Amino acid sequence: SDNKPIKDFVLNNPVYKGSILVAGKNF
Protein backbone atom coordinates (compact mmCIF):
# COMPACT_ATOMS: atom_id res chain seq x y z
CA SER A 1 0.00 0.00 0.00
CA ASP A 2 3.03 2.31 0.30
CA ASN A 3 4.16 1.39 -3.23
CA LYS A 4 7.15 -0.49 -1.90
CA PRO A 5 8.16 -3.71 -3.71
CA ILE A 6 7.00 -6.90 -2.00
CA LYS A 7 10.20 -8.93 -1.79
CA ASP A 8 8.48 -12.32 -1.86
CA PHE A 9 6.80 -11.73 -5.22
CA VAL A 10 8.60 -13.36 -8.13
CA LEU A 11 8.80 -10.28 -10.38
CA ASN A 12 10.73 -8.54 -7.61
CA ASN A 13 13.21 -11.39 -7.32
CA PRO A 14 16.28 -10.67 -9.51
CA VAL A 15 17.04 -14.40 -9.62
CA TYR A 16 14.17 -14.94 -12.06
CA LYS A 17 14.40 -13.34 -15.50
CA GLY A 18 13.37 -14.09 -19.05
CA SER A 19 10.75 -13.48 -21.69
CA ILE A 20 8.63 -16.53 -20.78
CA LEU A 21 6.07 -16.55 -17.97
CA VAL A 22 5.22 -20.01 -16.65
CA ALA A 23 1.85 -19.79 -14.89
CA GLY A 24 -0.54 -22.04 -13.03
CA LYS A 25 -3.73 -23.58 -14.42
CA ASN A 26 -6.61 -21.38 -15.64
CA PHE A 27 -4.56 -18.28 -16.41
mmCIF file of all heavy atoms, coordinates in Angstrom:
data_MODEL
# 
_entry.id   MODEL 
# 
loop_
_atom_site.group_PDB 
_atom_site.id 
_atom_site.type_symbol 
_atom_site.label_atom_id 
_atom_site.label_alt_id 
_atom_site.label_comp_id 
_atom_site.label_asym_id 
_atom_site.label_entity_id 
_atom_site.label_seq_id 
_atom_site.pdbx_PDB_ins_code 
_atom_site.Cartn_x 
_atom_site.Cartn_y 
_atom_site.Cartn_z 
_atom_site.occupancy 
_atom_site.B_iso_or_equiv 
_atom_site.pdbx_formal_charge 
_atom_site.auth_seq_id 
_atom_site.auth_comp_id 
_atom_site.auth_asym_id 
_atom_site.auth_atom_id 
_atom_site.pdbx_PDB_model_num 
ATOM 1   N N   . SER A 1 1  ? 0.812  -1.226  0.000   1.00 0.00 ? 1  SER A N   1 
ATOM 2   C CA  . SER A 1 1  ? 0.000  0.000   0.000   1.00 0.00 ? 1  SER A CA  1 
ATOM 3   C C   . SER A 1 1  ? 0.841  1.270   0.000   1.00 0.00 ? 1  SER A C   1 
ATOM 4   O O   . SER A 1 1  ? 0.352  2.354   -0.327  1.00 0.00 ? 1  SER A O   1 
ATOM 5   C CB  . SER A 1 1  ? -0.931 0.003   1.211   1.00 0.00 ? 1  SER A CB  1 
ATOM 6   O OG  . SER A 1 1  ? -0.189 -0.110  2.417   1.00 0.00 ? 1  SER A OG  1 
ATOM 7   N N   . ASP A 1 2  ? 2.125  1.155   0.336   1.00 0.00 ? 2  ASP A N   1 
ATOM 8   C CA  . ASP A 1 2  ? 3.031  2.307   0.298   1.00 0.00 ? 2  ASP A CA  1 
ATOM 9   C C   . ASP A 1 2  ? 3.865  2.332   -0.980  1.00 0.00 ? 2  ASP A C   1 
ATOM 10  O O   . ASP A 1 2  ? 4.855  3.069   -1.071  1.00 0.00 ? 2  ASP A O   1 
ATOM 11  C CB  . ASP A 1 2  ? 3.969  2.269   1.517   1.00 0.00 ? 2  ASP A CB  1 
ATOM 12  C CG  . ASP A 1 2  ? 3.221  2.453   2.825   1.00 0.00 ? 2  ASP A CG  1 
ATOM 13  O OD1 . ASP A 1 2  ? 2.278  3.266   2.862   1.00 0.00 ? 2  ASP A OD1 1 
ATOM 14  O OD2 . ASP A 1 2  ? 3.562  1.754   3.800   1.00 0.00 ? 2  ASP A OD2 1 
ATOM 15  N N   . ASN A 1 3  ? 3.454  1.488   -1.944  1.00 0.00 ? 3  ASN A N   1 
ATOM 16  C CA  . ASN A 1 3  ? 4.155  1.389   -3.229  1.00 0.00 ? 3  ASN A CA  1 
ATOM 17  C C   . ASN A 1 3  ? 5.596  0.897   -3.095  1.00 0.00 ? 3  ASN A C   1 
ATOM 18  O O   . ASN A 1 3  ? 6.450  1.218   -3.934  1.00 0.00 ? 3  ASN A O   1 
ATOM 19  C CB  . ASN A 1 3  ? 4.132  2.731   -3.982  1.00 0.00 ? 3  ASN A CB  1 
ATOM 20  C CG  . ASN A 1 3  ? 2.748  3.058   -4.517  1.00 0.00 ? 3  ASN A CG  1 
ATOM 21  O OD1 . ASN A 1 3  ? 2.018  2.170   -4.955  1.00 0.00 ? 3  ASN A OD1 1 
ATOM 22  N ND2 . ASN A 1 3  ? 2.386  4.330   -4.478  1.00 0.00 ? 3  ASN A ND2 1 
ATOM 23  N N   . LYS A 1 4  ? 5.823  0.120   -2.064  1.00 0.00 ? 4  LYS A N   1 
ATOM 24  C CA  . LYS A 1 4  ? 7.148  -0.489  -1.897  1.00 0.00 ? 4  LYS A CA  1 
ATOM 25  C C   . LYS A 1 4  ? 7.105  -1.923  -2.428  1.00 0.00 ? 4  LYS A C   1 
ATOM 26  O O   . LYS A 1 4  ? 6.114  -2.628  -2.225  1.00 0.00 ? 4  LYS A O   1 
ATOM 27  C CB  . LYS A 1 4  ? 7.547  -0.493  -0.422  1.00 0.00 ? 4  LYS A CB  1 
ATOM 28  C CG  . LYS A 1 4  ? 7.767  0.898   0.149   1.00 0.00 ? 4  LYS A CG  1 
ATOM 29  C CD  . LYS A 1 4  ? 8.182  0.825   1.608   1.00 0.00 ? 4  LYS A CD  1 
ATOM 30  C CE  . LYS A 1 4  ? 8.406  2.230   2.164   1.00 0.00 ? 4  LYS A CE  1 
ATOM 31  N NZ  . LYS A 1 4  ? 8.776  2.202   3.609   1.00 0.00 ? 4  LYS A NZ  1 
ATOM 32  N N   . PRO A 1 5  ? 8.138  -2.351  -3.148  1.00 0.00 ? 5  PRO A N   1 
ATOM 33  C CA  . PRO A 1 5  ? 8.161  -3.712  -3.709  1.00 0.00 ? 5  PRO A CA  1 
ATOM 34  C C   . PRO A 1 5  ? 8.012  -4.777  -2.632  1.00 0.00 ? 5  PRO A C   1 
ATOM 35  O O   . PRO A 1 5  ? 8.621  -4.688  -1.557  1.00 0.00 ? 5  PRO A O   1 
ATOM 36  C CB  . PRO A 1 5  ? 9.538  -3.798  -4.376  1.00 0.00 ? 5  PRO A CB  1 
ATOM 37  C CG  . PRO A 1 5  ? 9.918  -2.389  -4.658  1.00 0.00 ? 5  PRO A CG  1 
ATOM 38  C CD  . PRO A 1 5  ? 9.355  -1.585  -3.510  1.00 0.00 ? 5  PRO A CD  1 
ATOM 39  N N   . ILE A 1 6  ? 7.170  -5.761  -2.905  1.00 0.00 ? 6  ILE A N   1 
ATOM 40  C CA  . ILE A 1 6  ? 6.997  -6.895  -2.001  1.00 0.00 ? 6  ILE A CA  1 
ATOM 41  C C   . ILE A 1 6  ? 8.068  -7.933  -2.369  1.00 0.00 ? 6  ILE A C   1 
ATOM 42  O O   . ILE A 1 6  ? 8.027  -8.531  -3.448  1.00 0.00 ? 6  ILE A O   1 
ATOM 43  C CB  . ILE A 1 6  ? 5.583  -7.485  -2.137  1.00 0.00 ? 6  ILE A CB  1 
ATOM 44  C CG1 . ILE A 1 6  ? 4.547  -6.426  -1.734  1.00 0.00 ? 6  ILE A CG1 1 
ATOM 45  C CG2 . ILE A 1 6  ? 5.434  -8.745  -1.287  1.00 0.00 ? 6  ILE A CG2 1 
ATOM 46  C CD1 . ILE A 1 6  ? 3.109  -6.832  -2.004  1.00 0.00 ? 6  ILE A CD1 1 
ATOM 47  N N   . LYS A 1 7  ? 9.019  -8.119  -1.481  1.00 0.00 ? 7  LYS A N   1 
ATOM 48  C CA  . LYS A 1 7  ? 10.196 -8.933  -1.791  1.00 0.00 ? 7  LYS A CA  1 
ATOM 49  C C   . LYS A 1 7  ? 9.860  -10.368 -2.187  1.00 0.00 ? 7  LYS A C   1 
ATOM 50  O O   . LYS A 1 7  ? 10.555 -10.970 -3.001  1.00 0.00 ? 7  LYS A O   1 
ATOM 51  C CB  . LYS A 1 7  ? 11.146 -8.941  -0.595  1.00 0.00 ? 7  LYS A CB  1 
ATOM 52  C CG  . LYS A 1 7  ? 11.787 -7.590  -0.315  1.00 0.00 ? 7  LYS A CG  1 
ATOM 53  C CD  . LYS A 1 7  ? 12.752 -7.681  0.852   1.00 0.00 ? 7  LYS A CD  1 
ATOM 54  C CE  . LYS A 1 7  ? 13.416 -6.327  1.123   1.00 0.00 ? 7  LYS A CE  1 
ATOM 55  N NZ  . LYS A 1 7  ? 14.357 -6.401  2.256   1.00 0.00 ? 7  LYS A NZ  1 
ATOM 56  N N   . ASP A 1 8  ? 8.797  -10.907 -1.608  1.00 0.00 ? 8  ASP A N   1 
ATOM 57  C CA  . ASP A 1 8  ? 8.478  -12.315 -1.857  1.00 0.00 ? 8  ASP A CA  1 
ATOM 58  C C   . ASP A 1 8  ? 7.874  -12.569 -3.234  1.00 0.00 ? 8  ASP A C   1 
ATOM 59  O O   . ASP A 1 8  ? 7.808  -13.722 -3.667  1.00 0.00 ? 8  ASP A O   1 
ATOM 60  C CB  . ASP A 1 8  ? 7.494  -12.829 -0.790  1.00 0.00 ? 8  ASP A CB  1 
ATOM 61  C CG  . ASP A 1 8  ? 8.140  -12.915 0.583   1.00 0.00 ? 8  ASP A CG  1 
ATOM 62  O OD1 . ASP A 1 8  ? 9.382  -12.950 0.644   1.00 0.00 ? 8  ASP A OD1 1 
ATOM 63  O OD2 . ASP A 1 8  ? 7.395  -12.940 1.580   1.00 0.00 ? 8  ASP A OD2 1 
ATOM 64  N N   . PHE A 1 9  ? 7.435  -11.496 -3.933  1.00 0.00 ? 9  PHE A N   1 
ATOM 65  C CA  . PHE A 1 9  ? 6.799  -11.731 -5.222  1.00 0.00 ? 9  PHE A CA  1 
ATOM 66  C C   . PHE A 1 9  ? 7.854  -11.936 -6.305  1.00 0.00 ? 9  PHE A C   1 
ATOM 67  O O   . PHE A 1 9  ? 8.862  -11.236 -6.360  1.00 0.00 ? 9  PHE A O   1 
ATOM 68  C CB  . PHE A 1 9  ? 5.873  -10.576 -5.608  1.00 0.00 ? 9  PHE A CB  1 
ATOM 69  C CG  . PHE A 1 9  ? 5.080  -10.866 -6.847  1.00 0.00 ? 9  PHE A CG  1 
ATOM 70  C CD1 . PHE A 1 9  ? 4.209  -11.953 -6.888  1.00 0.00 ? 9  PHE A CD1 1 
ATOM 71  C CD2 . PHE A 1 9  ? 5.224  -10.091 -7.978  1.00 0.00 ? 9  PHE A CD2 1 
ATOM 72  C CE1 . PHE A 1 9  ? 3.494  -12.245 -8.035  1.00 0.00 ? 9  PHE A CE1 1 
ATOM 73  C CE2 . PHE A 1 9  ? 4.503  -10.369 -9.129  1.00 0.00 ? 9  PHE A CE2 1 
ATOM 74  C CZ  . PHE A 1 9  ? 3.641  -11.458 -9.164  1.00 0.00 ? 9  PHE A CZ  1 
ATOM 75  N N   . VAL A 1 10 ? 7.589  -12.892 -7.180  1.00 0.00 ? 10 VAL A N   1 
ATOM 76  C CA  . VAL A 1 10 ? 8.595  -13.363 -8.132  1.00 0.00 ? 10 VAL A CA  1 
ATOM 77  C C   . VAL A 1 10 ? 9.135  -12.272 -9.056  1.00 0.00 ? 10 VAL A C   1 
ATOM 78  O O   . VAL A 1 10 ? 10.321 -12.274 -9.398  1.00 0.00 ? 10 VAL A O   1 
ATOM 79  C CB  . VAL A 1 10 ? 8.042  -14.563 -8.939  1.00 0.00 ? 10 VAL A CB  1 
ATOM 80  C CG1 . VAL A 1 10 ? 6.903  -14.127 -9.851  1.00 0.00 ? 10 VAL A CG1 1 
ATOM 81  C CG2 . VAL A 1 10 ? 9.157  -15.252 -9.714  1.00 0.00 ? 10 VAL A CG2 1 
ATOM 82  N N   . LEU A 1 11 ? 8.302  -11.324 -9.470  1.00 0.00 ? 11 LEU A N   1 
ATOM 83  C CA  . LEU A 1 11 ? 8.797  -10.277 -10.380 1.00 0.00 ? 11 LEU A CA  1 
ATOM 84  C C   . LEU A 1 11 ? 9.774  -9.329  -9.683  1.00 0.00 ? 11 LEU A C   1 
ATOM 85  O O   . LEU A 1 11 ? 10.473 -8.573  -10.353 1.00 0.00 ? 11 LEU A O   1 
ATOM 86  C CB  . LEU A 1 11 ? 7.639  -9.474  -10.980 1.00 0.00 ? 11 LEU A CB  1 
ATOM 87  C CG  . LEU A 1 11 ? 6.727  -10.180 -11.977 1.00 0.00 ? 11 LEU A CG  1 
ATOM 88  C CD1 . LEU A 1 11 ? 5.831  -9.176  -12.685 1.00 0.00 ? 11 LEU A CD1 1 
ATOM 89  C CD2 . LEU A 1 11 ? 7.507  -10.981 -13.010 1.00 0.00 ? 11 LEU A CD2 1 
ATOM 90  N N   . ASN A 1 12 ? 9.788  -9.365  -8.365  1.00 0.00 ? 12 ASN A N   1 
ATOM 91  C CA  . ASN A 1 12 ? 10.732 -8.536  -7.612  1.00 0.00 ? 12 ASN A CA  1 
ATOM 92  C C   . ASN A 1 12 ? 11.986 -9.310  -7.204  1.00 0.00 ? 12 ASN A C   1 
ATOM 93  O O   . ASN A 1 12 ? 12.846 -8.771  -6.515  1.00 0.00 ? 12 ASN A O   1 
ATOM 94  C CB  . ASN A 1 12 ? 10.046 -7.979  -6.355  1.00 0.00 ? 12 ASN A CB  1 
ATOM 95  C CG  . ASN A 1 12 ? 8.905  -7.045  -6.696  1.00 0.00 ? 12 ASN A CG  1 
ATOM 96  O OD1 . ASN A 1 12 ? 8.942  -6.348  -7.694  1.00 0.00 ? 12 ASN A OD1 1 
ATOM 97  N ND2 . ASN A 1 12 ? 7.866  -7.041  -5.861  1.00 0.00 ? 12 ASN A ND2 1 
ATOM 98  N N   . ASN A 1 13 ? 12.058 -10.547 -7.632  1.00 0.00 ? 13 ASN A N   1 
ATOM 99  C CA  . ASN A 1 13 ? 13.208 -11.388 -7.323  1.00 0.00 ? 13 ASN A CA  1 
ATOM 100 C C   . ASN A 1 13 ? 14.170 -11.396 -8.514  1.00 0.00 ? 13 ASN A C   1 
ATOM 101 O O   . ASN A 1 13 ? 13.847 -11.951 -9.567  1.00 0.00 ? 13 ASN A O   1 
ATOM 102 C CB  . ASN A 1 13 ? 12.744 -12.813 -7.014  1.00 0.00 ? 13 ASN A CB  1 
ATOM 103 C CG  . ASN A 1 13 ? 13.863 -13.697 -6.507  1.00 0.00 ? 13 ASN A CG  1 
ATOM 104 O OD1 . ASN A 1 13 ? 15.044 -13.413 -6.716  1.00 0.00 ? 13 ASN A OD1 1 
ATOM 105 N ND2 . ASN A 1 13 ? 13.509 -14.786 -5.842  1.00 0.00 ? 13 ASN A ND2 1 
ATOM 106 N N   . PRO A 1 14 ? 15.339 -10.771 -8.381  1.00 0.00 ? 14 PRO A N   1 
ATOM 107 C CA  . PRO A 1 14 ? 16.277 -10.668 -9.505  1.00 0.00 ? 14 PRO A CA  1 
ATOM 108 C C   . PRO A 1 14 ? 16.812 -12.014 -9.993  1.00 0.00 ? 14 PRO A C   1 
ATOM 109 O O   . PRO A 1 14 ? 17.411 -12.090 -11.068 1.00 0.00 ? 14 PRO A O   1 
ATOM 110 C CB  . PRO A 1 14 ? 17.412 -9.806  -8.931  1.00 0.00 ? 14 PRO A CB  1 
ATOM 111 C CG  . PRO A 1 14 ? 17.331 -10.001 -7.451  1.00 0.00 ? 14 PRO A CG  1 
ATOM 112 C CD  . PRO A 1 14 ? 15.876 -10.160 -7.151  1.00 0.00 ? 14 PRO A CD  1 
ATOM 113 N N   . VAL A 1 15 ? 16.579 -13.065 -9.219  1.00 0.00 ? 15 VAL A N   1 
ATOM 114 C CA  . VAL A 1 15 ? 17.037 -14.400 -9.618  1.00 0.00 ? 15 VAL A CA  1 
ATOM 115 C C   . VAL A 1 15 ? 16.280 -14.880 -10.853 1.00 0.00 ? 15 VAL A C   1 
ATOM 116 O O   . VAL A 1 15 ? 16.831 -15.598 -11.700 1.00 0.00 ? 15 VAL A O   1 
ATOM 117 C CB  . VAL A 1 15 ? 16.851 -15.399 -8.454  1.00 0.00 ? 15 VAL A CB  1 
ATOM 118 C CG1 . VAL A 1 15 ? 17.043 -16.831 -8.936  1.00 0.00 ? 15 VAL A CG1 1 
ATOM 119 C CG2 . VAL A 1 15 ? 17.827 -15.084 -7.333  1.00 0.00 ? 15 VAL A CG2 1 
ATOM 120 N N   . TYR A 1 16 ? 15.011 -14.472 -10.961 1.00 0.00 ? 16 TYR A N   1 
ATOM 121 C CA  . TYR A 1 16 ? 14.170 -14.942 -12.065 1.00 0.00 ? 16 TYR A CA  1 
ATOM 122 C C   . TYR A 1 16 ? 14.051 -13.880 -13.152 1.00 0.00 ? 16 TYR A C   1 
ATOM 123 O O   . TYR A 1 16 ? 13.596 -12.760 -12.903 1.00 0.00 ? 16 TYR A O   1 
ATOM 124 C CB  . TYR A 1 16 ? 12.780 -15.322 -11.557 1.00 0.00 ? 16 TYR A CB  1 
ATOM 125 C CG  . TYR A 1 16 ? 12.811 -16.462 -10.568 1.00 0.00 ? 16 TYR A CG  1 
ATOM 126 C CD1 . TYR A 1 16 ? 12.608 -16.234 -9.210  1.00 0.00 ? 16 TYR A CD1 1 
ATOM 127 C CD2 . TYR A 1 16 ? 13.065 -17.769 -10.984 1.00 0.00 ? 16 TYR A CD2 1 
ATOM 128 C CE1 . TYR A 1 16 ? 12.641 -17.279 -8.295  1.00 0.00 ? 16 TYR A CE1 1 
ATOM 129 C CE2 . TYR A 1 16 ? 13.116 -18.817 -10.080 1.00 0.00 ? 16 TYR A CE2 1 
ATOM 130 C CZ  . TYR A 1 16 ? 12.902 -18.568 -8.742  1.00 0.00 ? 16 TYR A CZ  1 
ATOM 131 O OH  . TYR A 1 16 ? 12.944 -19.601 -7.843  1.00 0.00 ? 16 TYR A OH  1 
ATOM 132 N N   . LYS A 1 17 ? 14.460 -14.251 -14.346 1.00 0.00 ? 17 LYS A N   1 
ATOM 133 C CA  . LYS A 1 17 ? 14.399 -13.341 -15.497 1.00 0.00 ? 17 LYS A CA  1 
ATOM 134 C C   . LYS A 1 17 ? 13.976 -14.134 -16.722 1.00 0.00 ? 17 LYS A C   1 
ATOM 135 O O   . LYS A 1 17 ? 13.936 -15.362 -16.706 1.00 0.00 ? 17 LYS A O   1 
ATOM 136 C CB  . LYS A 1 17 ? 15.765 -12.697 -15.736 1.00 0.00 ? 17 LYS A CB  1 
ATOM 137 C CG  . LYS A 1 17 ? 16.277 -11.844 -14.590 1.00 0.00 ? 17 LYS A CG  1 
ATOM 138 C CD  . LYS A 1 17 ? 17.662 -11.311 -14.888 1.00 0.00 ? 17 LYS A CD  1 
ATOM 139 C CE  . LYS A 1 17 ? 18.190 -10.472 -13.728 1.00 0.00 ? 17 LYS A CE  1 
ATOM 140 N NZ  . LYS A 1 17 ? 19.571 -9.973  -13.970 1.00 0.00 ? 17 LYS A NZ  1 
ATOM 141 N N   . GLY A 1 18 ? 13.686 -13.415 -17.787 1.00 0.00 ? 18 GLY A N   1 
ATOM 142 C CA  . GLY A 1 18 ? 13.369 -14.086 -19.047 1.00 0.00 ? 18 GLY A CA  1 
ATOM 143 C C   . GLY A 1 18 ? 12.118 -13.547 -19.695 1.00 0.00 ? 18 GLY A C   1 
ATOM 144 O O   . GLY A 1 18 ? 11.369 -12.771 -19.100 1.00 0.00 ? 18 GLY A O   1 
ATOM 145 N N   . SER A 1 19 ? 11.895 -13.962 -20.917 1.00 0.00 ? 19 SER A N   1 
ATOM 146 C CA  . SER A 1 19 ? 10.749 -13.479 -21.691 1.00 0.00 ? 19 SER A CA  1 
ATOM 147 C C   . SER A 1 19 ? 9.614  -14.494 -21.747 1.00 0.00 ? 19 SER A C   1 
ATOM 148 O O   . SER A 1 19 ? 8.709  -14.385 -22.559 1.00 0.00 ? 19 SER A O   1 
ATOM 149 C CB  . SER A 1 19 ? 11.191 -13.105 -23.111 1.00 0.00 ? 19 SER A CB  1 
ATOM 150 O OG  . SER A 1 19 ? 11.877 -14.170 -23.732 1.00 0.00 ? 19 SER A OG  1 
ATOM 151 N N   . ILE A 1 20 ? 9.684  -15.521 -20.871 1.00 0.00 ? 20 ILE A N   1 
ATOM 152 C CA  . ILE A 1 20 ? 8.626  -16.528 -20.785 1.00 0.00 ? 20 ILE A CA  1 
ATOM 153 C C   . ILE A 1 20 ? 8.064  -16.531 -19.366 1.00 0.00 ? 20 ILE A C   1 
ATOM 154 O O   . ILE A 1 20 ? 8.818  -16.610 -18.395 1.00 0.00 ? 20 ILE A O   1 
ATOM 155 C CB  . ILE A 1 20 ? 9.153  -17.938 -21.134 1.00 0.00 ? 20 ILE A CB  1 
ATOM 156 C CG1 . ILE A 1 20 ? 9.694  -17.970 -22.565 1.00 0.00 ? 20 ILE A CG1 1 
ATOM 157 C CG2 . ILE A 1 20 ? 8.048  -18.980 -20.961 1.00 0.00 ? 20 ILE A CG2 1 
ATOM 158 C CD1 . ILE A 1 20 ? 10.392 -19.274 -22.938 1.00 0.00 ? 20 ILE A CD1 1 
ATOM 159 N N   . LEU A 1 21 ? 6.746  -16.433 -19.254 1.00 0.00 ? 21 LEU A N   1 
ATOM 160 C CA  . LEU A 1 21 ? 6.069  -16.548 -17.968 1.00 0.00 ? 21 LEU A CA  1 
ATOM 161 C C   . LEU A 1 21 ? 5.453  -17.939 -17.884 1.00 0.00 ? 21 LEU A C   1 
ATOM 162 O O   . LEU A 1 21 ? 4.707  -18.342 -18.778 1.00 0.00 ? 21 LEU A O   1 
ATOM 163 C CB  . LEU A 1 21 ? 4.968  -15.487 -17.857 1.00 0.00 ? 21 LEU A CB  1 
ATOM 164 C CG  . LEU A 1 21 ? 4.084  -15.540 -16.599 1.00 0.00 ? 21 LEU A CG  1 
ATOM 165 C CD1 . LEU A 1 21 ? 4.906  -15.238 -15.348 1.00 0.00 ? 21 LEU A CD1 1 
ATOM 166 C CD2 . LEU A 1 21 ? 2.921  -14.565 -16.719 1.00 0.00 ? 21 LEU A CD2 1 
ATOM 167 N N   . VAL A 1 22 ? 5.795  -18.682 -16.846 1.00 0.00 ? 22 VAL A N   1 
ATOM 168 C CA  . VAL A 1 22 ? 5.220  -20.011 -16.647 1.00 0.00 ? 22 VAL A CA  1 
ATOM 169 C C   . VAL A 1 22 ? 4.201  -19.883 -15.514 1.00 0.00 ? 22 VAL A C   1 
ATOM 170 O O   . VAL A 1 22 ? 4.572  -19.590 -14.370 1.00 0.00 ? 22 VAL A O   1 
ATOM 171 C CB  . VAL A 1 22 ? 6.299  -21.049 -16.288 1.00 0.00 ? 22 VAL A CB  1 
ATOM 172 C CG1 . VAL A 1 22 ? 5.660  -22.422 -16.079 1.00 0.00 ? 22 VAL A CG1 1 
ATOM 173 C CG2 . VAL A 1 22 ? 7.347  -21.120 -17.399 1.00 0.00 ? 22 VAL A CG2 1 
ATOM 174 N N   . ALA A 1 23 ? 2.931  -20.068 -15.841 1.00 0.00 ? 23 ALA A N   1 
ATOM 175 C CA  . ALA A 1 23 ? 1.853  -19.786 -14.892 1.00 0.00 ? 23 ALA A CA  1 
ATOM 176 C C   . ALA A 1 23 ? 1.024  -21.021 -14.569 1.00 0.00 ? 23 ALA A C   1 
ATOM 177 O O   . ALA A 1 23 ? 1.005  -21.997 -15.322 1.00 0.00 ? 23 ALA A O   1 
ATOM 178 C CB  . ALA A 1 23 ? 0.947  -18.692 -15.464 1.00 0.00 ? 23 ALA A CB  1 
ATOM 179 N N   . GLY A 1 24 ? 0.314  -20.944 -13.454 1.00 0.00 ? 24 GLY A N   1 
ATOM 180 C CA  . GLY A 1 24 ? -0.539 -22.043 -13.029 1.00 0.00 ? 24 GLY A CA  1 
ATOM 181 C C   . GLY A 1 24 ? -1.782 -22.189 -13.899 1.00 0.00 ? 24 GLY A C   1 
ATOM 182 O O   . GLY A 1 24 ? -2.070 -21.360 -14.767 1.00 0.00 ? 24 GLY A O   1 
ATOM 183 N N   . LYS A 1 25 ? -2.532 -23.232 -13.646 1.00 0.00 ? 25 LYS A N   1 
ATOM 184 C CA  . LYS A 1 25 ? -3.728 -23.581 -14.419 1.00 0.00 ? 25 LYS A CA  1 
ATOM 185 C C   . LYS A 1 25 ? -4.795 -22.486 -14.375 1.00 0.00 ? 25 LYS A C   1 
ATOM 186 O O   . LYS A 1 25 ? -4.964 -21.811 -13.379 1.00 0.00 ? 25 LYS A O   1 
ATOM 187 C CB  . LYS A 1 25 ? -4.302 -24.888 -13.867 1.00 0.00 ? 25 LYS A CB  1 
ATOM 188 C CG  . LYS A 1 25 ? -5.505 -25.424 -14.609 1.00 0.00 ? 25 LYS A CG  1 
ATOM 189 C CD  . LYS A 1 25 ? -5.963 -26.723 -13.974 1.00 0.00 ? 25 LYS A CD  1 
ATOM 190 C CE  . LYS A 1 25 ? -7.184 -27.292 -14.698 1.00 0.00 ? 25 LYS A CE  1 
ATOM 191 N NZ  . LYS A 1 25 ? -7.625 -28.572 -14.078 1.00 0.00 ? 25 LYS A NZ  1 
ATOM 192 N N   . ASN A 1 26 ? -5.500 -22.325 -15.500 1.00 0.00 ? 26 ASN A N   1 
ATOM 193 C CA  . ASN A 1 26 ? -6.609 -21.375 -15.637 1.00 0.00 ? 26 ASN A CA  1 
ATOM 194 C C   . ASN A 1 26 ? -6.127 -19.936 -15.564 1.00 0.00 ? 26 ASN A C   1 
ATOM 195 O O   . ASN A 1 26 ? -6.648 -19.111 -14.804 1.00 0.00 ? 26 ASN A O   1 
ATOM 196 C CB  . ASN A 1 26 ? -7.699 -21.632 -14.594 1.00 0.00 ? 26 ASN A CB  1 
ATOM 197 C CG  . ASN A 1 26 ? -9.014 -20.955 -14.962 1.00 0.00 ? 26 ASN A CG  1 
ATOM 198 O OD1 . ASN A 1 26 ? -9.297 -20.706 -16.134 1.00 0.00 ? 26 ASN A OD1 1 
ATOM 199 N ND2 . ASN A 1 26 ? -9.831 -20.659 -13.966 1.00 0.00 ? 26 ASN A ND2 1 
ATOM 200 N N   . PHE A 1 27 ? -5.148 -19.618 -16.383 1.00 0.00 ? 27 PHE A N   1 
ATOM 201 C CA  . PHE A 1 27 ? -4.563 -18.276 -16.410 1.00 0.00 ? 27 PHE A CA  1 
ATOM 202 C C   . PHE A 1 27 ? -5.436 -17.341 -17.246 1.00 0.00 ? 27 PHE A C   1 
ATOM 203 O O   . PHE A 1 27 ? -5.884 -17.686 -18.338 1.00 0.00 ? 27 PHE A O   1 
ATOM 204 C CB  . PHE A 1 27 ? -3.157 -18.329 -17.008 1.00 0.00 ? 27 PHE A CB  1 
ATOM 205 C CG  . PHE A 1 27 ? -2.423 -17.016 -16.940 1.00 0.00 ? 27 PHE A CG  1 
ATOM 206 C CD1 . PHE A 1 27 ? -1.842 -16.605 -15.755 1.00 0.00 ? 27 PHE A CD1 1 
ATOM 207 C CD2 . PHE A 1 27 ? -2.312 -16.207 -18.060 1.00 0.00 ? 27 PHE A CD2 1 
ATOM 208 C CE1 . PHE A 1 27 ? -1.158 -15.405 -15.677 1.00 0.00 ? 27 PHE A CE1 1 
ATOM 209 C CE2 . PHE A 1 27 ? -1.629 -15.007 -17.998 1.00 0.00 ? 27 PHE A CE2 1 
ATOM 210 C CZ  . PHE A 1 27 ? -1.053 -14.595 -16.801 1.00 0.00 ? 27 PHE A CZ  1 
# 
